[in-house]
């Protein structure tokens, strides 16, 4: 019976992943909350177990998570880390120190401490998987003048997460633990709406978190150690705005799933 952990499961993609895996037969799924209370809206899947007070912006995030998983006597087959924060910035308005610190800490520092704690305490082991939810925005190669600059902390914290994933894949390969980095797709979430990106939803091919979760879960099921350390878009190139300019190919000429350039 697979045991799946979703880190950051209270809303958006994380919530949809929790629901998806809870509906799969012979699967146990666990979800973390940043706060001490379990969310009631939307209603939690009946088969999901909650682990509270796991905040990736704090140094004790890994030890807190491990202490609660040990109480449940859990050995994980996969952990998907979806927790994130997006604070907008522009050159004209200036960078925002506090926003950047929060983005870097949540996106690219906290996941290291979570994975390290899980592995060192034997909760993740041989044949297990770590999936780090990044974004195509973390690809340096895909940045193009047609899209412009700005949003420094968002892009750079995702690029840092990509590097974290690559380095973890090297550290964990001999242990038989596969590490994948993914762009799950442009989604119609409160996060993207909150930063004004809802105006791009239609033109950018944004999908609901439920659709993105299904694509990511199916891709994760087929992911293994042979592809550890790679960076993928399970839903392909459809919602990647600069992919044609950068690759010189039409989106219809590119495969799905699509391996992304660093």
C-alpha atoms as a PDB file:
ATOM      1  CA  UNK A   1       0.000   0.000   0.000  1.00  0.00           C
ATOM      2  CA  UNK A   2       1.683   3.265  -1.123  1.00  0.00           C
ATOM      3  CA  UNK A   3       2.096   6.019   1.449  1.00  0.00           C
ATOM      4  CA  UNK A   4       2.159   9.518  -0.063  1.00  0.00           C
ATOM      5  CA  UNK A   5       2.946  12.787   1.720  1.00  0.00           C
ATOM      6  CA  UNK A   6       1.869  16.163   0.338  1.00  0.00           C
ATOM      7  CA  UNK A   7       3.738  19.068   1.945  1.00  0.00           C
ATOM      8  CA  UNK A   8       1.545  22.140   1.593  1.00  0.00           C
ATOM      9  CA  UNK A   9      -1.834  20.455   1.182  1.00  0.00           C
ATOM     10  CA  UNK A  10      -4.328  23.074   2.330  1.00  0.00           C
ATOM     11  CA  UNK A  11      -5.072  24.806  -0.958  1.00  0.00           C
ATOM     12  CA  UNK A  12      -4.412  24.940  -4.687  1.00  0.00           C
ATOM     13  CA  UNK A  13      -2.374  22.121  -6.189  1.00  0.00           C
ATOM     14  CA  UNK A  14      -1.562  20.574  -2.805  1.00  0.00           C
ATOM     15  CA  UNK A  15      -5.215  20.285  -1.864  1.00  0.00           C
ATOM     16  CA  UNK A  16      -6.045  18.740  -5.233  1.00  0.00           C
ATOM     17  CA  UNK A  17      -3.193  16.236  -4.928  1.00  0.00           C
ATOM     18  CA  UNK A  18      -4.444  15.257  -1.480  1.00  0.00           C
ATOM     19  CA  UNK A  19      -7.914  14.638  -2.908  1.00  0.00           C
ATOM     20  CA  UNK A  20      -6.585  12.749  -5.930  1.00  0.00           C
ATOM     21  CA  UNK A  21      -4.425  10.331  -3.960  1.00  0.00           C
ATOM     22  CA  UNK A  22      -7.081   9.806  -1.291  1.00  0.00           C
ATOM     23  CA  UNK A  23      -9.360   8.475  -4.033  1.00  0.00           C
ATOM     24  CA  UNK A  24      -6.815   5.922  -5.264  1.00  0.00           C
ATOM     25  CA  UNK A  25      -7.300   2.358  -4.017  1.00  0.00           C
ATOM     26  CA  UNK A  26      -4.816   0.933  -1.522  1.00  0.00           C
ATOM     27  CA  UNK A  27      -3.176   4.336  -0.988  1.00  0.00           C
ATOM     28  CA  UNK A  28      -2.603   6.217   2.256  1.00  0.00           C
ATOM     29  CA  UNK A  29      -2.118   9.942   1.919  1.00  0.00           C
ATOM     30  CA  UNK A  30      -0.890  12.502   4.437  1.00  0.00           C
ATOM     31  CA  UNK A  31      -1.073  16.277   4.108  1.00  0.00           C
ATOM     32  CA  UNK A  32       0.663  19.030   6.014  1.00  0.00           C
ATOM     33  CA  UNK A  33      -0.731  22.332   7.208  1.00  0.00           C
ATOM     34  CA  UNK A  34       1.359  25.373   8.032  1.00  0.00           C
ATOM     35  CA  UNK A  35      -0.828  26.278  10.990  1.00  0.00           C
ATOM     36  CA  UNK A  36      -2.099  24.295  13.936  1.00  0.00           C
ATOM     37  CA  UNK A  37      -5.646  23.817  12.647  1.00  0.00           C
ATOM     38  CA  UNK A  38      -6.966  21.429  10.022  1.00  0.00           C
ATOM     39  CA  UNK A  39      -8.758  23.155   7.148  1.00  0.00           C
ATOM     40  CA  UNK A  40     -12.516  22.703   6.923  1.00  0.00           C
ATOM     41  CA  UNK A  41     -13.081  24.445   3.585  1.00  0.00           C
ATOM     42  CA  UNK A  42     -13.097  22.671   1.256  1.00  0.00           C
ATOM     43  CA  UNK A  43     -13.984  19.542   3.237  1.00  0.00           C
ATOM     44  CA  UNK A  44     -10.978  17.300   3.777  1.00  0.00           C
ATOM     45  CA  UNK A  45     -10.906  13.905   2.044  1.00  0.00           C
ATOM     46  CA  UNK A  46     -12.074  11.324   4.554  1.00  0.00           C
ATOM     47  CA  UNK A  47      -9.082   9.045   3.959  1.00  0.00           C
ATOM     48  CA  UNK A  48      -6.445  11.760   4.319  1.00  0.00           C
ATOM     49  CA  UNK A  49      -4.482  12.213   7.540  1.00  0.00           C
ATOM     50  CA  UNK A  50      -3.358  15.707   8.507  1.00  0.00           C
ATOM     51  CA  UNK A  51      -0.021  16.733  10.002  1.00  0.00           C
ATOM     52  CA  UNK A  52      -0.196  20.235  11.428  1.00  0.00           C
ATOM     53  CA  UNK A  53       2.305  23.008  12.150  1.00  0.00           C
ATOM     54  CA  UNK A  54       4.792  22.209   9.388  1.00  0.00           C
ATOM     55  CA  UNK A  55       5.950  25.641   8.242  1.00  0.00           C
ATOM     56  CA  UNK A  56       8.664  25.604   5.573  1.00  0.00           C
ATOM     57  CA  UNK A  57       9.698  29.136   6.475  1.00  0.00           C
ATOM     58  CA  UNK A  58      10.964  27.945   9.884  1.00  0.00           C
ATOM     59  CA  UNK A  59      14.169  26.007  10.678  1.00  0.00           C
ATOM     60  CA  UNK A  60      12.329  23.289  12.608  1.00  0.00           C
ATOM     61  CA  UNK A  61      10.078  22.298   9.681  1.00  0.00           C
ATOM     62  CA  UNK A  62      11.884  18.994   9.094  1.00  0.00           C
ATOM     63  CA  UNK A  63      12.136  17.918  12.712  1.00  0.00           C
ATOM     64  CA  UNK A  64       8.505  18.838  13.403  1.00  0.00           C
ATOM     65  CA  UNK A  65       7.347  16.762  10.433  1.00  0.00           C
ATOM     66  CA  UNK A  66       9.472  13.767  11.363  1.00  0.00           C
ATOM     67  CA  UNK A  67       8.331  13.723  14.979  1.00  0.00           C
ATOM     68  CA  UNK A  68       4.691  13.510  13.889  1.00  0.00           C
ATOM     69  CA  UNK A  69       5.319  10.913  11.178  1.00  0.00           C
ATOM     70  CA  UNK A  70       7.204   8.749  13.684  1.00  0.00           C
ATOM     71  CA  UNK A  71       4.144   8.806  15.931  1.00  0.00           C
ATOM     72  CA  UNK A  72       2.155   7.433  12.973  1.00  0.00           C
ATOM     73  CA  UNK A  73       4.869   4.822  12.205  1.00  0.00           C
ATOM     74  CA  UNK A  74       4.967   5.885   8.549  1.00  0.00           C
ATOM     75  CA  UNK A  75       7.424   4.827   5.823  1.00  0.00           C
ATOM     76  CA  UNK A  76       6.843   6.957   2.759  1.00  0.00           C
ATOM     77  CA  UNK A  77       6.863   5.884  -0.870  1.00  0.00           C
ATOM     78  CA  UNK A  78       6.705   9.463  -2.151  1.00  0.00           C
ATOM     79  CA  UNK A  79       6.756  13.022  -0.881  1.00  0.00           C
ATOM     80  CA  UNK A  80       5.540  15.890  -3.040  1.00  0.00           C
ATOM     81  CA  UNK A  81       6.558  19.326  -1.777  1.00  0.00           C
ATOM     82  CA  UNK A  82       4.156  21.939  -3.111  1.00  0.00           C
ATOM     83  CA  UNK A  83       4.366  24.655  -0.472  1.00  0.00           C
ATOM     84  CA  UNK A  84       5.198  28.060  -1.882  1.00  0.00           C
ATOM     85  CA  UNK A  85       4.697  31.800  -1.744  1.00  0.00           C
ATOM     86  CA  UNK A  86       4.540  34.358  -4.568  1.00  0.00           C
ATOM     87  CA  UNK A  87       5.162  38.034  -3.896  1.00  0.00           C
ATOM     88  CA  UNK A  88       5.260  40.296  -6.943  1.00  0.00           C
ATOM     89  CA  UNK A  89       8.080  42.755  -7.613  1.00  0.00           C
ATOM     90  CA  UNK A  90       9.054  45.133 -10.400  1.00  0.00           C
ATOM     91  CA  UNK A  91      12.134  47.195 -11.090  1.00  0.00           C
ATOM     92  CA  UNK A  92      10.109  50.415 -11.148  1.00  0.00           C
ATOM     93  CA  UNK A  93       8.491  49.786  -7.759  1.00  0.00           C
ATOM     94  CA  UNK A  94      11.656  48.245  -6.370  1.00  0.00           C
ATOM     95  CA  UNK A  95      12.500  44.859  -4.856  1.00  0.00           C
ATOM     96  CA  UNK A  96      10.911  43.794  -1.590  1.00  0.00           C
ATOM     97  CA  UNK A  97      13.322  42.351   0.994  1.00  0.00           C
ATOM     98  CA  UNK A  98      10.743  40.600   3.162  1.00  0.00           C
ATOM     99  CA  UNK A  99       8.929  39.067   0.191  1.00  0.00           C
ATOM    100  CA  UNK A 100      12.181  37.748  -1.245  1.00  0.00           C
ATOM    101  CA  UNK A 101      13.306  36.204   2.037  1.00  0.00           C
ATOM    102  CA  UNK A 102       9.942  34.463   2.389  1.00  0.00           C
ATOM    103  CA  UNK A 103      10.043  33.164  -1.199  1.00  0.00           C
ATOM    104  CA  UNK A 104      13.589  31.825  -0.940  1.00  0.00           C
ATOM    105  CA  UNK A 105      12.995  30.279   2.476  1.00  0.00           C
ATOM    106  CA  UNK A 106       9.727  28.578   1.579  1.00  0.00           C
ATOM    107  CA  UNK A 107      10.636  27.480  -1.942  1.00  0.00           C
ATOM    108  CA  UNK A 108      14.292  26.507  -1.759  1.00  0.00           C
ATOM    109  CA  UNK A 109      15.550  26.325   1.837  1.00  0.00           C
ATOM    110  CA  UNK A 110      12.701  24.599   3.697  1.00  0.00           C
ATOM    111  CA  UNK A 111      12.561  21.649   1.249  1.00  0.00           C
ATOM    112  CA  UNK A 112      16.203  20.766   1.975  1.00  0.00           C
ATOM    113  CA  UNK A 113      15.496  20.474   5.695  1.00  0.00           C
ATOM    114  CA  UNK A 114      12.350  18.422   5.074  1.00  0.00           C
ATOM    115  CA  UNK A 115      14.043  15.925   2.762  1.00  0.00           C
ATOM    116  CA  UNK A 116      17.154  15.654   4.940  1.00  0.00           C
ATOM    117  CA  UNK A 117      15.080  14.915   8.038  1.00  0.00           C
ATOM    118  CA  UNK A 118      12.923  12.341   6.256  1.00  0.00           C
ATOM    119  CA  UNK A 119      15.925  10.463   4.859  1.00  0.00           C
ATOM    120  CA  UNK A 120      18.093  10.567   7.986  1.00  0.00           C
ATOM    121  CA  UNK A 121      15.215   9.242  10.091  1.00  0.00           C
ATOM    122  CA  UNK A 122      14.500   6.354   7.733  1.00  0.00           C
ATOM    123  CA  UNK A 123      11.084   7.621   6.632  1.00  0.00           C
ATOM    124  CA  UNK A 124      12.256   7.873   3.014  1.00  0.00           C
ATOM    125  CA  UNK A 125      14.362   5.024   1.707  1.00  0.00           C
ATOM    126  CA  UNK A 126      15.200   2.838  -1.276  1.00  0.00           C
ATOM    127  CA  UNK A 127      12.748   3.082  -4.219  1.00  0.00           C
ATOM    128  CA  UNK A 128      10.993   6.129  -2.783  1.00  0.00           C
ATOM    129  CA  UNK A 129      10.489   9.423  -4.639  1.00  0.00           C
ATOM    130  CA  UNK A 130      10.858  13.112  -3.871  1.00  0.00           C
ATOM    131  CA  UNK A 131       8.971  15.486  -6.159  1.00  0.00           C
ATOM    132  CA  UNK A 132       9.795  19.183  -5.830  1.00  0.00           C
ATOM    133  CA  UNK A 133       7.122  21.423  -7.322  1.00  0.00           C
ATOM    134  CA  UNK A 134       8.984  24.204  -9.046  1.00  0.00           C
ATOM    135  CA  UNK A 135       7.888  26.201 -12.104  1.00  0.00           C
ATOM    136  CA  UNK A 136       9.032  26.939 -15.628  1.00  0.00           C
ATOM    137  CA  UNK A 137       9.708  30.392 -14.185  1.00  0.00           C
ATOM    138  CA  UNK A 138      12.799  28.860 -12.567  1.00  0.00           C
ATOM    139  CA  UNK A 139      14.385  28.091 -15.938  1.00  0.00           C
ATOM    140  CA  UNK A 140      17.078  30.621 -16.842  1.00  0.00           C
ATOM    141  CA  UNK A 141      17.051  29.389 -20.447  1.00  0.00           C
ATOM    142  CA  UNK A 142      13.319  30.074 -20.829  1.00  0.00           C
ATOM    143  CA  UNK A 143      13.593  33.715 -19.766  1.00  0.00           C
ATOM    144  CA  UNK A 144      13.163  35.921 -22.827  1.00  0.00           C
ATOM    145  CA  UNK A 145      12.783  39.617 -23.628  1.00  0.00           C
ATOM    146  CA  UNK A 146       9.248  38.956 -24.877  1.00  0.00           C
ATOM    147  CA  UNK A 147       8.264  38.301 -21.256  1.00  0.00           C
ATOM    148  CA  UNK A 148      10.499  40.909 -19.639  1.00  0.00           C
ATOM    149  CA  UNK A 149      12.070  40.996 -16.195  1.00  0.00           C
ATOM    150  CA  UNK A 150      10.784  41.630 -12.685  1.00  0.00           C
ATOM    151  CA  UNK A 151       9.475  39.212 -10.073  1.00  0.00           C
ATOM    152  CA  UNK A 152      13.051  38.572  -9.008  1.00  0.00           C
ATOM    153  CA  UNK A 153      12.358  36.557  -5.884  1.00  0.00           C
ATOM    154  CA  UNK A 154       9.769  34.370  -7.607  1.00  0.00           C
ATOM    155  CA  UNK A 155      11.978  33.407 -10.536  1.00  0.00           C
ATOM    156  CA  UNK A 156      15.206  33.148  -8.591  1.00  0.00           C
ATOM    157  CA  UNK A 157      13.762  31.108  -5.704  1.00  0.00           C
ATOM    158  CA  UNK A 158      12.434  28.571  -8.219  1.00  0.00           C
ATOM    159  CA  UNK A 159      15.809  28.486  -9.968  1.00  0.00           C
ATOM    160  CA  UNK A 160      17.362  27.854  -6.547  1.00  0.00           C
ATOM    161  CA  UNK A 161      14.882  25.033  -5.943  1.00  0.00           C
ATOM    162  CA  UNK A 162      15.905  23.493  -9.261  1.00  0.00           C
ATOM    163  CA  UNK A 163      19.522  23.502  -8.094  1.00  0.00           C
ATOM    164  CA  UNK A 164      18.481  22.009  -4.749  1.00  0.00           C
ATOM    165  CA  UNK A 165      16.685  19.209  -6.576  1.00  0.00           C
ATOM    166  CA  UNK A 166      19.684  18.465  -8.773  1.00  0.00           C
ATOM    167  CA  UNK A 167      22.063  18.367  -5.799  1.00  0.00           C
ATOM    168  CA  UNK A 168      19.706  16.195  -3.729  1.00  0.00           C
ATOM    169  CA  UNK A 169      19.455  13.788  -6.643  1.00  0.00           C
ATOM    170  CA  UNK A 170      23.246  13.346  -6.538  1.00  0.00           C
ATOM    171  CA  UNK A 171      23.260  12.892  -2.766  1.00  0.00           C
ATOM    172  CA  UNK A 172      20.405  10.373  -2.746  1.00  0.00           C
ATOM    173  CA  UNK A 173      21.044   8.326  -5.887  1.00  0.00           C
ATOM    174  CA  UNK A 174      23.117   5.690  -4.095  1.00  0.00           C
ATOM    175  CA  UNK A 175      20.283   5.365  -1.563  1.00  0.00           C
ATOM    176  CA  UNK A 176      17.884   4.540  -4.387  1.00  0.00           C
ATOM    177  CA  UNK A 177      15.789   7.682  -3.816  1.00  0.00           C
ATOM    178  CA  UNK A 178      14.671   9.438  -7.004  1.00  0.00           C
ATOM    179  CA  UNK A 179      14.340  13.231  -7.028  1.00  0.00           C
ATOM    180  CA  UNK A 180      12.238  14.998  -9.655  1.00  0.00           C
ATOM    181  CA  UNK A 181      11.707  18.703 -10.293  1.00  0.00           C
ATOM    182  CA  UNK A 182       8.468  19.718 -12.017  1.00  0.00           C
ATOM    183  CA  UNK A 183       6.542  22.578 -13.556  1.00  0.00           C
ATOM    184  CA  UNK A 184       2.983  21.409 -12.807  1.00  0.00           C
ATOM    185  CA  UNK A 185       1.339  23.907 -15.161  1.00  0.00           C
ATOM    186  CA  UNK A 186      -0.150  27.388 -15.059  1.00  0.00           C
ATOM    187  CA  UNK A 187      -3.133  27.133 -12.736  1.00  0.00           C
ATOM    188  CA  UNK A 188      -6.313  29.010 -11.920  1.00  0.00           C
ATOM    189  CA  UNK A 189      -5.590  29.391  -8.217  1.00  0.00           C
ATOM    190  CA  UNK A 190      -6.023  32.020  -5.544  1.00  0.00           C
ATOM    191  CA  UNK A 191      -2.237  32.465  -5.636  1.00  0.00           C
ATOM    192  CA  UNK A 192      -2.093  33.403  -9.329  1.00  0.00           C
ATOM    193  CA  UNK A 193      -5.248  35.492  -8.989  1.00  0.00           C
ATOM    194  CA  UNK A 194      -3.819  37.275  -5.964  1.00  0.00           C
ATOM    195  CA  UNK A 195      -0.827  38.511  -7.978  1.00  0.00           C
ATOM    196  CA  UNK A 196      -2.993  39.629 -10.901  1.00  0.00           C
ATOM    197  CA  UNK A 197      -2.198  36.730 -13.195  1.00  0.00           C
ATOM    198  CA  UNK A 198      -5.854  35.830 -13.638  1.00  0.00           C
ATOM    199  CA  UNK A 199      -5.848  38.225 -16.606  1.00  0.00           C
ATOM    200  CA  UNK A 200      -3.547  35.726 -18.344  1.00  0.00           C
ATOM    201  CA  UNK A 201      -5.542  32.587 -17.476  1.00  0.00           C
ATOM    202  CA  UNK A 202      -7.351  32.204 -20.803  1.00  0.00           C
ATOM    203  CA  UNK A 203      -4.543  33.233 -23.145  1.00  0.00           C
ATOM    204  CA  UNK A 204      -1.975  31.318 -21.092  1.00  0.00           C
ATOM    205  CA  UNK A 205      -3.878  28.030 -21.053  1.00  0.00           C
ATOM    206  CA  UNK A 206      -4.312  27.955 -17.282  1.00  0.00           C
ATOM    207  CA  UNK A 207      -6.046  24.864 -15.891  1.00  0.00           C
ATOM    208  CA  UNK A 208      -7.720  24.092 -12.591  1.00  0.00           C
ATOM    209  CA  UNK A 209      -5.601  22.567  -9.823  1.00  0.00           C
ATOM    210  CA  UNK A 210      -7.573  19.304 -10.130  1.00  0.00           C
ATOM    211  CA  UNK A 211      -6.467  18.887 -13.748  1.00  0.00           C
ATOM    212  CA  UNK A 212      -2.859  19.766 -12.946  1.00  0.00           C
ATOM    213  CA  UNK A 213      -2.875  17.386  -9.963  1.00  0.00           C
ATOM    214  CA  UNK A 214      -4.037  14.458 -12.095  1.00  0.00           C
ATOM    215  CA  UNK A 215      -1.302  15.101 -14.677  1.00  0.00           C
ATOM    216  CA  UNK A 216       1.368  15.417 -11.992  1.00  0.00           C
ATOM    217  CA  UNK A 217       0.208  12.321 -10.097  1.00  0.00           C
ATOM    218  CA  UNK A 218       0.215  10.202 -13.256  1.00  0.00           C
ATOM    219  CA  UNK A 219       3.670  11.464 -14.174  1.00  0.00           C
ATOM    220  CA  UNK A 220       4.916  10.777 -10.636  1.00  0.00           C
ATOM    221  CA  UNK A 221       3.664   7.203 -10.801  1.00  0.00           C
ATOM    222  CA  UNK A 222       5.923   6.580 -13.797  1.00  0.00           C
ATOM    223  CA  UNK A 223       8.922   8.495 -12.476  1.00  0.00           C
ATOM    224  CA  UNK A 224      11.909   6.458 -11.286  1.00  0.00           C
ATOM    225  CA  UNK A 225      15.611   6.560 -10.491  1.00  0.00           C
ATOM    226  CA  UNK A 226      16.545   6.474 -14.183  1.00  0.00           C
ATOM    227  CA  UNK A 227      15.355  10.087 -14.497  1.00  0.00           C
ATOM    228  CA  UNK A 228      16.469  11.371 -11.123  1.00  0.00           C
ATOM    229  CA  UNK A 229      17.647  14.971 -11.108  1.00  0.00           C
ATOM    230  CA  UNK A 230      15.673  15.955 -14.211  1.00  0.00           C
ATOM    231  CA  UNK A 231      13.327  18.920 -14.696  1.00  0.00           C
ATOM    232  CA  UNK A 232       9.983  18.213 -16.383  1.00  0.00           C
ATOM    233  CA  UNK A 233       6.676  19.721 -17.403  1.00  0.00           C
ATOM    234  CA  UNK A 234       4.207  16.810 -17.165  1.00  0.00           C
ATOM    235  CA  UNK A 235       1.575  18.809 -19.057  1.00  0.00           C
ATOM    236  CA  UNK A 236       3.988  19.710 -21.844  1.00  0.00           C
ATOM    237  CA  UNK A 237       4.658  23.098 -23.467  1.00  0.00           C
ATOM    238  CA  UNK A 238       1.099  24.429 -23.763  1.00  0.00           C
ATOM    239  CA  UNK A 239       1.275  27.006 -20.958  1.00  0.00           C
ATOM    240  CA  UNK A 240       4.951  27.981 -21.302  1.00  0.00           C
ATOM    241  CA  UNK A 241       4.811  31.395 -22.925  1.00  0.00           C
ATOM    242  CA  UNK A 242       8.411  31.646 -24.157  1.00  0.00           C
ATOM    243  CA  UNK A 243       8.957  28.075 -25.292  1.00  0.00           C
ATOM    244  CA  UNK A 244       8.559  28.771 -29.003  1.00  0.00           C
ATOM    245  CA  UNK A 245      10.960  31.741 -29.006  1.00  0.00           C
ATOM    246  CA  UNK A 246      13.559  29.807 -27.021  1.00  0.00           C
ATOM    247  CA  UNK A 247      13.356  26.420 -28.782  1.00  0.00           C
ATOM    248  CA  UNK A 248      12.559  27.666 -32.287  1.00  0.00           C
ATOM    249  CA  UNK A 249       9.754  25.107 -32.476  1.00  0.00           C
ATOM    250  CA  UNK A 250       5.975  25.407 -32.392  1.00  0.00           C
ATOM    251  CA  UNK A 251       4.312  24.056 -29.262  1.00  0.00           C
ATOM    252  CA  UNK A 252       2.646  21.337 -31.335  1.00  0.00           C
ATOM    253  CA  UNK A 253       6.071  20.082 -32.396  1.00  0.00           C
ATOM    254  CA  UNK A 254       7.221  19.582 -28.817  1.00  0.00           C
ATOM    255  CA  UNK A 255       6.461  16.446 -26.766  1.00  0.00           C
ATOM    256  CA  UNK A 256       4.263  15.985 -23.716  1.00  0.00           C
ATOM    257  CA  UNK A 257       5.618  15.496 -21.080  1.00  0.00           C
ATOM    258  CA  UNK A 258       8.418  17.961 -21.885  1.00  0.00           C
ATOM    259  CA  UNK A 259      11.847  17.929 -20.301  1.00  0.00           C
ATOM    260  CA  UNK A 260      12.734  21.536 -19.489  1.00  0.00           C
ATOM    261  CA  UNK A 261      16.073  23.302 -19.879  1.00  0.00           C
ATOM    262  CA  UNK A 262      17.786  24.667 -16.820  1.00  0.00           C
END
